[in-house]
Amino acid sequence: MSLATLHGPTTAERIRSACVRAGSAILALEGSEPETTAVHHLLADGSFAITVPSIGVAAATVVSSGHAGVQAVLELTDYAPLPLREPVRSLVWIRGRLYPVPSSSVREVLDLVAIENPNPALLQVGSDYTLLRLEIESVVVADATGAESVGVSTLLEAQPDPFCAMETCWLRHIDADHHDMVDRLASKLPGQLRRGRVRPLGLDRYGVRLRVEGEDGDHDVRLPFGKPVDDVHGLSQAIRILMGCPFVNGLRARRT
């Protein structure tokens, strides 16, 4: 196992987490304006279930294409939980062929999606939204470090980070009400990076990410935990250790 795997999520894990966090995505078909998707869910067969407005061009084009399908690109944007100078953490592009879901299969697909993603938009399929299926041909993620592609099988084997759905609320709370935590974490940074404004950028089972907004630009730094964590108790303990808190289990000093 590589150090990258030990100290941070794999590319496939990052993509799976971005899919969960993205409230909406952009679907682009050649020759028409991009449309917003309310639902974009990776199914166990390696395709994406997608909802588009029923009155839009995408729905009409794909439904009329039948078994031939239409080439399309789904773009997901992973935004930082806090208002930063550069708010986009990563972009994910999923290229493939888009097909209509047969009416006889719509209910089954909706039930599969709802088990993991009970999005209210699912209740509007058949009226306001049309359900489509994107067969994946390629998946690419790009961030400040560069771009990397991931195979469908690798994507299916990965899981979203266990804290990705709660990350935004937690980081906003830390930034607004616990500046002491941010200061403690910032003290772990190299000296040259402490001159800028330090903000929480990310939180996952592998560690904490900080964004340093300095006069010379922005710098992202990961502070890894000693080992990956899987639950809230383990996360709390790992953050305490990372900050150098002596009461790693939440204990308090005895009164004399």
Protein backbone atom coordinates (compact mmCIF):
# COMPACT_ATOMS: atom_id res chain seq x y z
CA MET A 1 0.00 0.00 0.00
CA SER A 2 1.40 3.37 -1.00
CA LEU A 3 1.88 6.35 1.29
CA ALA A 4 -0.69 8.23 -0.78
CA THR A 5 -3.24 5.53 -0.01
CA LEU A 6 -2.34 5.56 3.68
CA HIS A 7 -2.43 9.33 4.08
CA GLY A 8 -5.26 10.31 1.77
CA PRO A 9 -8.24 9.00 -0.19
CA THR A 10 -7.70 7.26 -3.50
CA THR A 11 -8.79 9.02 -6.66
CA ALA A 12 -11.79 6.70 -6.89
CA GLU A 13 -12.79 7.48 -3.29
CA ARG A 14 -12.55 11.20 -3.99
CA ILE A 15 -14.84 10.82 -7.00
CA ARG A 16 -17.39 8.77 -5.05
CA SER A 17 -17.42 11.40 -2.29
CA ALA A 18 -17.77 14.24 -4.82
CA CYS A 19 -20.80 12.46 -6.31
CA VAL A 20 -22.45 12.38 -2.89
CA ARG A 21 -21.63 16.02 -2.05
CA ALA A 22 -22.60 17.55 -5.39
CA GLY A 23 -26.13 18.90 -5.01
CA SER A 24 -26.48 19.19 -8.77
CA ALA A 25 -24.42 18.50 -11.85
CA ILE A 26 -24.26 19.69 -15.45
CA LEU A 27 -25.14 17.42 -18.36
CA ALA A 28 -23.83 18.40 -21.78
CA LEU A 29 -24.99 17.00 -25.12
CA GLU A 30 -23.42 18.04 -28.41
CA GLY A 31 -25.37 20.79 -30.12
CA SER A 32 -27.47 21.88 -27.13
CA GLU A 33 -27.08 24.01 -24.02
CA PRO A 34 -25.97 22.20 -20.83
CA GLU A 35 -28.74 21.26 -18.42
CA THR A 36 -28.76 20.76 -14.65
CA THR A 37 -29.35 17.28 -13.23
CA ALA A 38 -31.09 16.95 -9.87
CA VAL A 39 -30.05 13.31 -9.44
CA HIS A 40 -26.83 11.64 -10.60
CA HIS A 41 -26.35 8.29 -8.88
CA LEU A 42 -23.82 5.54 -9.62
CA LEU A 43 -25.59 2.19 -9.93
CA ALA A 44 -24.11 -1.23 -9.16
CA ASP A 45 -23.88 -2.08 -12.88
CA GLY A 46 -21.46 0.83 -13.45
CA SER A 47 -23.91 3.24 -15.07
CA PHE A 48 -25.28 6.53 -13.75
CA ALA A 49 -28.98 7.15 -13.16
CA ILE A 50 -29.67 10.77 -14.09
CA THR A 51 -32.77 12.97 -13.95
CA VAL A 52 -33.25 15.88 -16.36
CA PRO A 53 -36.16 18.30 -16.82
CA SER A 54 -38.89 16.60 -18.85
CA ILE A 55 -39.44 19.73 -20.96
CA GLY A 56 -35.72 20.12 -21.74
CA VAL A 57 -33.80 19.37 -24.91
CA ALA A 58 -31.78 16.55 -23.30
CA ALA A 59 -34.87 14.52 -22.41
CA ALA A 60 -36.39 14.96 -25.87
CA THR A 61 -33.13 14.15 -27.67
CA VAL A 62 -32.32 11.04 -25.66
CA VAL A 63 -35.87 9.63 -25.65
CA SER A 64 -36.10 10.05 -29.43
CA SER A 65 -32.72 8.34 -29.90
CA GLY A 66 -34.06 5.07 -28.49
CA HIS A 67 -31.56 2.21 -28.43
CA ALA A 68 -28.96 4.29 -30.29
CA GLY A 69 -28.37 6.63 -27.35
CA VAL A 70 -26.62 9.99 -27.36
CA GLN A 71 -23.03 10.90 -26.50
CA ALA A 72 -22.91 13.03 -23.34
CA VAL A 73 -20.67 14.40 -20.58
CA LEU A 74 -21.71 14.76 -16.95
CA GLU A 75 -19.73 17.38 -15.01
CA LEU A 76 -19.69 17.45 -11.20
CA THR A 77 -18.12 20.29 -9.24
CA ASP A 78 -16.82 19.72 -5.72
CA TYR A 79 -17.02 23.08 -3.94
CA ALA A 80 -15.23 23.94 -0.71
CA PRO A 81 -17.62 24.16 2.27
CA LEU A 82 -16.38 27.70 3.07
CA PRO A 83 -16.26 30.86 0.92
CA LEU A 84 -12.67 30.84 -0.32
CA ARG A 85 -10.86 32.80 -3.02
CA GLU A 86 -10.80 29.64 -5.15
CA PRO A 87 -13.94 27.72 -4.12
CA VAL A 88 -13.63 24.74 -6.48
CA ARG A 89 -11.76 21.80 -4.94
CA SER A 90 -12.10 19.47 -7.91
CA LEU A 91 -14.00 18.78 -11.14
CA VAL A 92 -15.20 15.37 -12.28
CA TRP A 93 -16.04 14.62 -15.91
CA ILE A 94 -17.99 11.44 -16.71
CA ARG A 95 -18.18 10.75 -20.43
CA GLY A 96 -20.43 8.12 -21.94
CA ARG A 97 -23.56 7.30 -23.87
CA LEU A 98 -26.95 8.38 -22.59
CA TYR A 99 -30.05 6.18 -22.97
CA PRO A 100 -33.69 6.47 -21.92
CA VAL A 101 -34.79 4.15 -19.12
CA PRO A 102 -37.66 1.95 -20.39
CA SER A 103 -40.94 2.75 -18.65
CA SER A 104 -41.12 -0.84 -17.40
CA SER A 105 -37.80 -0.35 -15.54
CA VAL A 106 -38.25 3.16 -14.16
CA ARG A 107 -39.77 2.09 -10.83
CA GLU A 108 -37.05 -0.50 -10.23
CA VAL A 109 -34.25 2.00 -10.94
CA LEU A 110 -35.88 4.66 -8.75
CA ASP A 111 -36.10 2.19 -5.86
CA LEU A 112 -32.40 1.32 -6.25
CA VAL A 113 -31.42 4.99 -6.17
CA ALA A 114 -33.73 5.84 -3.27
CA ILE A 115 -32.13 3.22 -1.00
CA GLU A 116 -28.88 5.21 -0.95
CA ASN A 117 -30.03 8.63 -2.12
CA PRO A 118 -33.63 9.52 -1.15
CA ASN A 119 -33.63 12.70 -3.20
CA PRO A 120 -37.07 14.40 -3.35
CA ALA A 121 -36.61 14.83 -7.10
CA LEU A 122 -37.14 11.08 -7.51
CA LEU A 123 -40.82 11.61 -6.66
CA GLN A 124 -41.16 13.95 -9.65
CA VAL A 125 -39.89 11.48 -12.25
CA GLY A 126 -42.66 11.03 -14.80
CA SER A 127 -43.90 14.58 -14.39
CA ASP A 128 -41.22 17.24 -13.92
CA TYR A 129 -38.22 14.98 -14.55
CA THR A 130 -37.25 12.21 -16.96
CA LEU A 131 -35.00 9.35 -15.87
CA LEU A 132 -31.99 8.58 -18.08
CA ARG A 133 -29.05 6.17 -17.84
CA LEU A 134 -25.45 7.09 -18.68
CA GLU A 135 -23.22 4.17 -19.67
CA ILE A 136 -19.72 5.25 -18.65
CA GLU A 137 -16.86 5.32 -21.13
CA SER A 138 -14.37 7.39 -19.10
CA VAL A 139 -14.09 9.18 -15.76
CA VAL A 140 -11.57 11.98 -15.12
CA VAL A 141 -11.03 14.11 -12.02
CA ALA A 142 -8.97 17.31 -11.97
CA ASP A 143 -7.79 19.42 -9.05
CA ALA A 144 -4.85 21.63 -8.08
CA THR A 145 -2.45 18.68 -8.41
CA GLY A 146 -3.46 17.72 -11.96
CA ALA A 147 -5.85 15.33 -13.72
CA GLU A 148 -6.28 11.57 -13.41
CA SER A 149 -8.59 9.00 -14.97
CA VAL A 150 -10.26 6.09 -13.16
CA GLY A 151 -11.69 2.87 -14.53
CA VAL A 152 -15.32 1.94 -13.90
CA SER A 153 -14.43 -1.23 -11.98
CA THR A 154 -12.12 0.76 -9.68
CA LEU A 155 -14.87 3.31 -9.14
CA LEU A 156 -17.36 0.59 -8.18
CA GLU A 157 -14.92 -0.95 -5.70
CA ALA A 158 -14.42 2.37 -3.90
CA GLN A 159 -16.78 3.84 -1.30
CA PRO A 160 -17.64 7.46 -0.50
CA ASP A 161 -15.92 8.84 2.58
CA PRO A 162 -18.05 8.03 5.68
CA PHE A 163 -18.06 11.72 6.67
CA CYS A 164 -18.59 13.35 3.26
CA ALA A 165 -22.28 14.13 3.80
CA MET A 166 -21.51 15.84 7.14
CA GLU A 167 -18.29 17.56 6.13
CA THR A 168 -19.82 20.91 5.14
CA CYS A 169 -21.70 21.40 8.43
CA TRP A 170 -18.70 20.38 10.52
CA LEU A 171 -16.19 22.62 8.76
CA ARG A 172 -18.52 25.62 8.82
CA HIS A 173 -19.03 25.09 12.56
CA ILE A 174 -15.29 24.81 13.19
CA ASP A 175 -14.54 27.92 11.13
CA ALA A 176 -17.28 30.00 12.81
CA ASP A 177 -17.06 28.86 16.43
CA HIS A 178 -13.74 27.11 17.04
CA HIS A 179 -10.91 29.30 15.83
CA ASP A 180 -8.74 27.71 18.52
CA MET A 181 -8.94 24.39 16.65
CA VAL A 182 -7.91 26.04 13.40
CA ASP A 183 -5.03 27.81 15.18
CA ARG A 184 -3.82 24.53 16.71
CA LEU A 185 -3.93 22.79 13.34
CA ALA A 186 -2.23 25.75 11.64
CA SER A 187 0.64 25.46 14.15
CA LYS A 188 1.51 22.13 12.50
CA LEU A 189 2.19 23.83 9.17
CA PRO A 190 5.68 24.77 7.95
CA GLY A 191 6.67 28.26 9.07
CA GLN A 192 6.45 29.82 5.61
CA LEU A 193 2.81 28.78 5.28
CA ARG A 194 1.64 30.33 8.55
CA ARG A 195 1.82 33.87 7.18
CA GLY A 196 -1.39 33.59 5.19
CA ARG A 197 -4.99 33.16 6.24
CA VAL A 198 -5.59 29.52 7.21
CA ARG A 199 -9.07 28.06 6.59
CA PRO A 200 -10.48 24.53 6.86
CA LEU A 201 -10.70 23.04 3.36
CA GLY A 202 -11.60 19.40 3.84
CA LEU A 203 -12.19 16.62 6.34
CA ASP A 204 -12.20 12.89 5.66
CA ARG A 205 -11.33 9.59 7.31
CA TYR A 206 -7.65 10.11 6.45
CA GLY A 207 -7.10 13.60 7.88
CA VAL A 208 -7.76 17.32 7.68
CA ARG A 209 -7.02 19.64 4.73
CA LEU A 210 -6.22 23.30 5.21
CA ARG A 211 -6.21 26.12 2.66
CA VAL A 212 -3.62 28.86 3.20
CA GLU A 213 -4.58 32.04 1.36
CA GLY A 214 -1.34 34.02 1.14
CA GLU A 215 -0.06 36.98 -0.81
CA ASP A 216 1.83 34.59 -3.08
CA GLY A 217 -1.24 32.51 -3.85
CA ASP A 218 -3.17 29.64 -2.31
CA HIS A 219 -1.62 26.51 -0.82
CA ASP A 220 -3.47 23.34 0.17
CA VAL A 221 -1.96 21.16 2.88
CA ARG A 222 -3.12 17.79 4.21
CA LEU A 223 -2.53 16.93 7.87
CA PRO A 224 -2.93 13.14 8.01
CA PHE A 225 -4.24 11.14 10.95
CA GLY A 226 -2.10 8.35 12.34
CA LYS A 227 -4.50 5.88 10.74
CA PRO A 228 -7.83 6.09 8.88
CA VAL A 229 -10.94 6.37 11.06
CA ASP A 230 -14.42 5.01 10.45
CA ASP A 231 -16.77 6.59 13.00
CA VAL A 232 -17.42 9.86 14.82
CA HIS A 233 -15.65 8.71 18.01
CA GLY A 234 -12.52 7.76 16.08
CA LEU A 235 -12.66 11.04 14.15
CA SER A 236 -12.92 13.11 17.34
CA GLN A 237 -9.97 11.28 18.89
CA ALA A 238 -7.85 11.59 15.73
CA ILE A 239 -8.47 15.37 15.54
CA ARG A 240 -7.49 15.77 19.22
CA ILE A 241 -4.25 13.89 18.60
CA LEU A 242 -3.58 15.95 15.48
CA MET A 243 -4.03 19.18 17.46
CA GLY A 244 -1.73 17.92 20.22
CA CYS A 245 -4.51 17.82 22.82
CA PRO A 246 -3.35 15.88 25.92
CA PHE A 247 -6.86 14.59 26.60
CA VAL A 248 -7.21 12.48 23.49
CA ASN A 249 -10.18 10.57 24.86
CA GLY A 250 -12.08 13.67 25.91
CA LEU A 251 -11.00 13.34 29.57
CA ARG A 252 -10.59 16.32 31.83
CA ALA A 253 -7.84 16.98 34.32
CA ARG A 254 -8.65 16.03 37.92
CA ARG A 255 -9.48 18.78 40.33
CA THR A 256 -7.21 19.00 43.34
